[in-house]
């Protein structure tokens, strides 16, 4: 995964968490948190790959 992709996914996760904080309905909070987690999982799965490319 490219560094630009990682930056994008991190920013999207942050934006989703901000939306979750502003949401007033529990189901909307959960939806934003679920999306944030999905983006963070993409980042986490790419981190070992990124580390091995620099070794």
PDB file of N, CA and C in Angstrom:
ATOM      1  N   UNK A   1       0.855  -1.178   0.000  1.00  0.00           N
ATOM      2  CA  UNK A   1       0.000   0.000   0.000  1.00  0.00           C
ATOM      3  C   UNK A   1       0.898   1.237   0.000  1.00  0.00           C
ATOM      4  N   UNK A   2       0.502   2.219  -0.735  1.00  0.00           N
ATOM      5  CA  UNK A   2       1.286   3.439  -0.845  1.00  0.00           C
ATOM      6  C   UNK A   2       1.069   4.360   0.345  1.00  0.00           C
ATOM      7  N   UNK A   3       2.055   5.196   0.605  1.00  0.00           N
ATOM      8  CA  UNK A   3       1.968   6.148   1.722  1.00  0.00           C
ATOM      9  C   UNK A   3       0.751   7.059   1.576  1.00  0.00           C
ATOM     10  N   UNK A   4       0.430   7.462   0.349  1.00  0.00           N
ATOM     11  CA  UNK A   4      -0.749   8.311   0.131  1.00  0.00           C
ATOM     12  C   UNK A   4      -2.027   7.602   0.581  1.00  0.00           C
ATOM     13  N   UNK A   5      -2.100   6.299   0.358  1.00  0.00           N
ATOM     14  CA  UNK A   5      -3.269   5.535   0.797  1.00  0.00           C
ATOM     15  C   UNK A   5      -3.364   5.533   2.318  1.00  0.00           C
ATOM     16  N   UNK A   6      -2.232   5.332   2.974  1.00  0.00           N
ATOM     17  CA  UNK A   6      -2.224   5.320   4.438  1.00  0.00           C
ATOM     18  C   UNK A   6      -2.667   6.665   4.993  1.00  0.00           C
ATOM     19  N   UNK A   7      -2.183   7.719   4.394  1.00  0.00           N
ATOM     20  CA  UNK A   7      -2.579   9.064   4.826  1.00  0.00           C
ATOM     21  C   UNK A   7      -4.084   9.240   4.643  1.00  0.00           C
ATOM     22  N   UNK A   8      -4.598   8.822   3.492  1.00  0.00           N
ATOM     23  CA  UNK A   8      -6.031   8.934   3.222  1.00  0.00           C
ATOM     24  C   UNK A   8      -6.839   8.173   4.275  1.00  0.00           C
ATOM     25  N   UNK A   9      -6.481   6.918   4.539  1.00  0.00           N
ATOM     26  CA  UNK A   9      -7.235   6.109   5.491  1.00  0.00           C
ATOM     27  C   UNK A   9      -7.164   6.681   6.898  1.00  0.00           C
ATOM     28  N   UNK A  10      -6.015   7.187   7.285  1.00  0.00           N
ATOM     29  CA  UNK A  10      -5.907   7.813   8.615  1.00  0.00           C
ATOM     30  C   UNK A  10      -6.799   9.044   8.710  1.00  0.00           C
ATOM     31  N   UNK A  11      -6.803   9.859   7.674  1.00  0.00           N
ATOM     32  CA  UNK A  11      -7.644  11.062   7.672  1.00  0.00           C
ATOM     33  C   UNK A  11      -9.123  10.701   7.692  1.00  0.00           C
ATOM     34  N   UNK A  12      -9.494   9.686   6.931  1.00  0.00           N
ATOM     35  CA  UNK A  12     -10.905   9.259   6.910  1.00  0.00           C
ATOM     36  C   UNK A  12     -11.320   8.746   8.284  1.00  0.00           C
ATOM     37  N   UNK A  13     -10.445   7.983   8.930  1.00  0.00           N
ATOM     38  CA  UNK A  13     -10.754   7.482  10.278  1.00  0.00           C
ATOM     39  C   UNK A  13     -10.948   8.640  11.243  1.00  0.00           C
ATOM     40  N   UNK A  14     -10.076   9.615  11.164  1.00  0.00           N
ATOM     41  CA  UNK A  14     -10.189  10.789  12.035  1.00  0.00           C
ATOM     42  C   UNK A  14     -11.497  11.531  11.771  1.00  0.00           C
ATOM     43  N   UNK A  15     -11.849  11.708  10.516  1.00  0.00           N
ATOM     44  CA  UNK A  15     -13.086  12.402  10.163  1.00  0.00           C
ATOM     45  C   UNK A  15     -14.302  11.632  10.675  1.00  0.00           C
ATOM     46  N   UNK A  16     -14.270  10.319  10.566  1.00  0.00           N
ATOM     47  CA  UNK A  16     -15.397   9.516  11.058  1.00  0.00           C
ATOM     48  C   UNK A  16     -15.531   9.627  12.570  1.00  0.00           C
ATOM     49  N   UNK A  17     -14.417   9.649  13.275  1.00  0.00           N
ATOM     50  CA  UNK A  17     -14.472   9.794  14.731  1.00  0.00           C
ATOM     51  C   UNK A  17     -15.008  11.171  15.127  1.00  0.00           C
ATOM     52  N   UNK A  18     -14.640  12.185  14.377  1.00  0.00           N
ATOM     53  CA  UNK A  18     -15.181  13.526  14.641  1.00  0.00           C
ATOM     54  C   UNK A  18     -16.689  13.538  14.421  1.00  0.00           C
ATOM     55  N   UNK A  19     -17.145  12.887  13.359  1.00  0.00           N
ATOM     56  CA  UNK A  19     -18.582  12.804  13.089  1.00  0.00           C
ATOM     57  C   UNK A  19     -19.290  12.026  14.207  1.00  0.00           C
ATOM     58  N   UNK A  20     -18.664  10.983  14.690  1.00  0.00           N
ATOM     59  CA  UNK A  20     -19.248  10.199  15.782  1.00  0.00           C
ATOM     60  C   UNK A  20     -19.420  11.056  17.033  1.00  0.00           C
ATOM     61  N   UNK A  21     -18.448  11.918  17.295  1.00  0.00           N
ATOM     62  CA  UNK A  21     -18.533  12.785  18.470  1.00  0.00           C
ATOM     63  C   UNK A  21     -19.661  13.803  18.350  1.00  0.00           C
ATOM     64  N   UNK A  22     -19.972  14.211  17.129  1.00  0.00           N
ATOM     65  CA  UNK A  22     -21.032  15.192  16.909  1.00  0.00           C
ATOM     66  C   UNK A  22     -22.425  14.571  16.826  1.00  0.00           C
ATOM     67  N   UNK A  23     -22.456  13.284  16.549  1.00  0.00           N
ATOM     68  CA  UNK A  23     -23.742  12.607  16.370  1.00  0.00           C
ATOM     69  C   UNK A  23     -24.497  12.526  17.693  1.00  0.00           C
ATOM     70  N   UNK A  24     -25.817  12.541  17.589  1.00  0.00           N
ATOM     71  CA  UNK A  24     -26.650  12.496  18.793  1.00  0.00           C
ATOM     72  C   UNK A  24     -27.413  11.186  18.938  1.00  0.00           C
ATOM     73  N   UNK A  25     -27.518  10.421  17.860  1.00  0.00           N
ATOM     74  CA  UNK A  25     -28.229   9.147  17.915  1.00  0.00           C
ATOM     75  C   UNK A  25     -27.223   8.008  18.041  1.00  0.00           C
ATOM     76  N   UNK A  26     -27.458   7.090  18.971  1.00  0.00           N
ATOM     77  CA  UNK A  26     -26.506   5.985  19.181  1.00  0.00           C
ATOM     78  C   UNK A  26     -26.203   5.182  17.918  1.00  0.00           C
ATOM     79  N   UNK A  27     -27.206   4.968  17.082  1.00  0.00           N
ATOM     80  CA  UNK A  27     -26.960   4.175  15.875  1.00  0.00           C
ATOM     81  C   UNK A  27     -26.068   4.916  14.878  1.00  0.00           C
ATOM     82  N   UNK A  28     -26.139   6.235  14.891  1.00  0.00           N
ATOM     83  CA  UNK A  28     -25.280   7.037  14.010  1.00  0.00           C
ATOM     84  C   UNK A  28     -23.853   7.044  14.562  1.00  0.00           C
ATOM     85  N   UNK A  29     -23.730   7.172  15.875  1.00  0.00           N
ATOM     86  CA  UNK A  29     -22.411   7.099  16.512  1.00  0.00           C
ATOM     87  C   UNK A  29     -21.753   5.772  16.169  1.00  0.00           C
ATOM     88  N   UNK A  30     -22.517   4.686  16.296  1.00  0.00           N
ATOM     89  CA  UNK A  30     -21.975   3.361  16.004  1.00  0.00           C
ATOM     90  C   UNK A  30     -21.547   3.243  14.543  1.00  0.00           C
ATOM     91  N   UNK A  31     -22.351   3.762  13.641  1.00  0.00           N
ATOM     92  CA  UNK A  31     -22.010   3.685  12.214  1.00  0.00           C
ATOM     93  C   UNK A  31     -20.689   4.408  11.931  1.00  0.00           C
ATOM     94  N   UNK A  32     -20.520   5.585  12.492  1.00  0.00           N
ATOM     95  CA  UNK A  32     -19.276   6.325  12.277  1.00  0.00           C
ATOM     96  C   UNK A  32     -18.087   5.611  12.926  1.00  0.00           C
ATOM     97  N   UNK A  33     -18.299   5.057  14.106  1.00  0.00           N
ATOM     98  CA  UNK A  33     -17.220   4.307  14.767  1.00  0.00           C
ATOM     99  C   UNK A  33     -16.849   3.058  13.971  1.00  0.00           C
ATOM    100  N   UNK A  34     -17.854   2.390  13.427  1.00  0.00           N
ATOM    101  CA  UNK A  34     -17.587   1.204  12.606  1.00  0.00           C
ATOM    102  C   UNK A  34     -16.767   1.579  11.370  1.00  0.00           C
ATOM    103  N   UNK A  35     -17.128   2.688  10.738  1.00  0.00           N
ATOM    104  CA  UNK A  35     -16.364   3.137   9.568  1.00  0.00           C
ATOM    105  C   UNK A  35     -14.932   3.507   9.962  1.00  0.00           C
ATOM    106  N   UNK A  36     -14.781   4.209  11.072  1.00  0.00           N
ATOM    107  CA  UNK A  36     -13.443   4.574  11.539  1.00  0.00           C
ATOM    108  C   UNK A  36     -12.613   3.318  11.782  1.00  0.00           C
ATOM    109  N   UNK A  37     -13.216   2.321  12.414  1.00  0.00           N
ATOM    110  CA  UNK A  37     -12.495   1.066  12.668  1.00  0.00           C
ATOM    111  C   UNK A  37     -12.095   0.374  11.376  1.00  0.00           C
ATOM    112  N   UNK A  38     -12.959   0.417  10.387  1.00  0.00           N
ATOM    113  CA  UNK A  38     -12.630  -0.200   9.103  1.00  0.00           C
ATOM    114  C   UNK A  38     -11.421   0.495   8.466  1.00  0.00           C
ATOM    115  N   UNK A  39     -11.399   1.815   8.512  1.00  0.00           N
ATOM    116  CA  UNK A  39     -10.248   2.550   7.968  1.00  0.00           C
ATOM    117  C   UNK A  39      -8.977   2.230   8.757  1.00  0.00           C
ATOM    118  N   UNK A  40      -9.090   2.183  10.076  1.00  0.00           N
ATOM    119  CA  UNK A  40      -7.912   1.899  10.903  1.00  0.00           C
ATOM    120  C   UNK A  40      -7.402   0.471  10.689  1.00  0.00           C
ATOM    121  N   UNK A  41      -8.312  -0.454  10.416  1.00  0.00           N
ATOM    122  CA  UNK A  41      -7.881  -1.818  10.106  1.00  0.00           C
ATOM    123  C   UNK A  41      -7.082  -1.857   8.806  1.00  0.00           C
ATOM    124  N   UNK A  42      -7.492  -1.057   7.835  1.00  0.00           N
ATOM    125  CA  UNK A  42      -6.733  -0.983   6.576  1.00  0.00           C
ATOM    126  C   UNK A  42      -5.313  -0.469   6.845  1.00  0.00           C
ATOM    127  N   UNK A  43      -5.228   0.563   7.691  1.00  0.00           N
ATOM    128  CA  UNK A  43      -3.918   1.125   8.031  1.00  0.00           C
ATOM    129  C   UNK A  43      -3.081   0.076   8.759  1.00  0.00           C
ATOM    130  N   UNK A  44      -3.676  -0.567   9.749  1.00  0.00           N
ATOM    131  CA  UNK A  44      -2.941  -1.548  10.546  1.00  0.00           C
ATOM    132  C   UNK A  44      -2.460  -2.718   9.696  1.00  0.00           C
ATOM    133  N   UNK A  45      -3.263  -3.145   8.751  1.00  0.00           N
ATOM    134  CA  UNK A  45      -2.853  -4.273   7.919  1.00  0.00           C
ATOM    135  C   UNK A  45      -1.723  -3.894   6.964  1.00  0.00           C
ATOM    136  N   UNK A  46      -1.596  -2.628   6.655  1.00  0.00           N
ATOM    137  CA  UNK A  46      -0.548  -2.171   5.745  1.00  0.00           C
ATOM    138  C   UNK A  46       0.737  -1.805   6.472  1.00  0.00           C
ATOM    139  N   UNK A  47       0.668  -1.534   7.753  1.00  0.00           N
ATOM    140  CA  UNK A  47       1.858  -1.117   8.501  1.00  0.00           C
ATOM    141  C   UNK A  47       2.979  -2.147   8.441  1.00  0.00           C
ATOM    142  N   UNK A  48       2.730  -3.442   8.683  1.00  0.00           N
ATOM    143  CA  UNK A  48       3.840  -4.411   8.580  1.00  0.00           C
ATOM    144  C   UNK A  48       4.438  -4.436   7.170  1.00  0.00           C
ATOM    145  N   UNK A  49       3.587  -4.286   6.169  1.00  0.00           N
ATOM    146  CA  UNK A  49       4.046  -4.254   4.782  1.00  0.00           C
ATOM    147  C   UNK A  49       4.971  -3.051   4.566  1.00  0.00           C
ATOM    148  N   UNK A  50       4.575  -1.916   5.097  1.00  0.00           N
ATOM    149  CA  UNK A  50       5.364  -0.696   4.966  1.00  0.00           C
ATOM    150  C   UNK A  50       6.713  -0.866   5.682  1.00  0.00           C
ATOM    151  N   UNK A  51       6.713  -1.473   6.870  1.00  0.00           N
ATOM    152  CA  UNK A  51       7.936  -1.690   7.618  1.00  0.00           C
ATOM    153  C   UNK A  51       8.912  -2.562   6.845  1.00  0.00           C
ATOM    154  N   UNK A  52       8.412  -3.625   6.223  1.00  0.00           N
ATOM    155  CA  UNK A  52       9.289  -4.552   5.524  1.00  0.00           C
ATOM    156  C   UNK A  52       9.880  -3.930   4.251  1.00  0.00           C
ATOM    157  N   UNK A  53       9.203  -2.949   3.667  1.00  0.00           N
ATOM    158  CA  UNK A  53       9.729  -2.293   2.484  1.00  0.00           C
ATOM    159  C   UNK A  53      10.942  -1.428   2.812  1.00  0.00           C
ATOM    160  N   UNK A  54      11.010  -0.938   4.054  1.00  0.00           N
ATOM    161  CA  UNK A  54      12.138  -0.081   4.442  1.00  0.00           C
ATOM    162  C   UNK A  54      13.302  -0.882   4.989  1.00  0.00           C
ATOM    163  N   UNK A  55      13.121  -2.164   5.222  1.00  0.00           N
ATOM    164  CA  UNK A  55      14.188  -2.982   5.804  1.00  0.00           C
ATOM    165  C   UNK A  55      15.179  -3.429   4.752  1.00  0.00           C
TER     166      UNK A  55
END
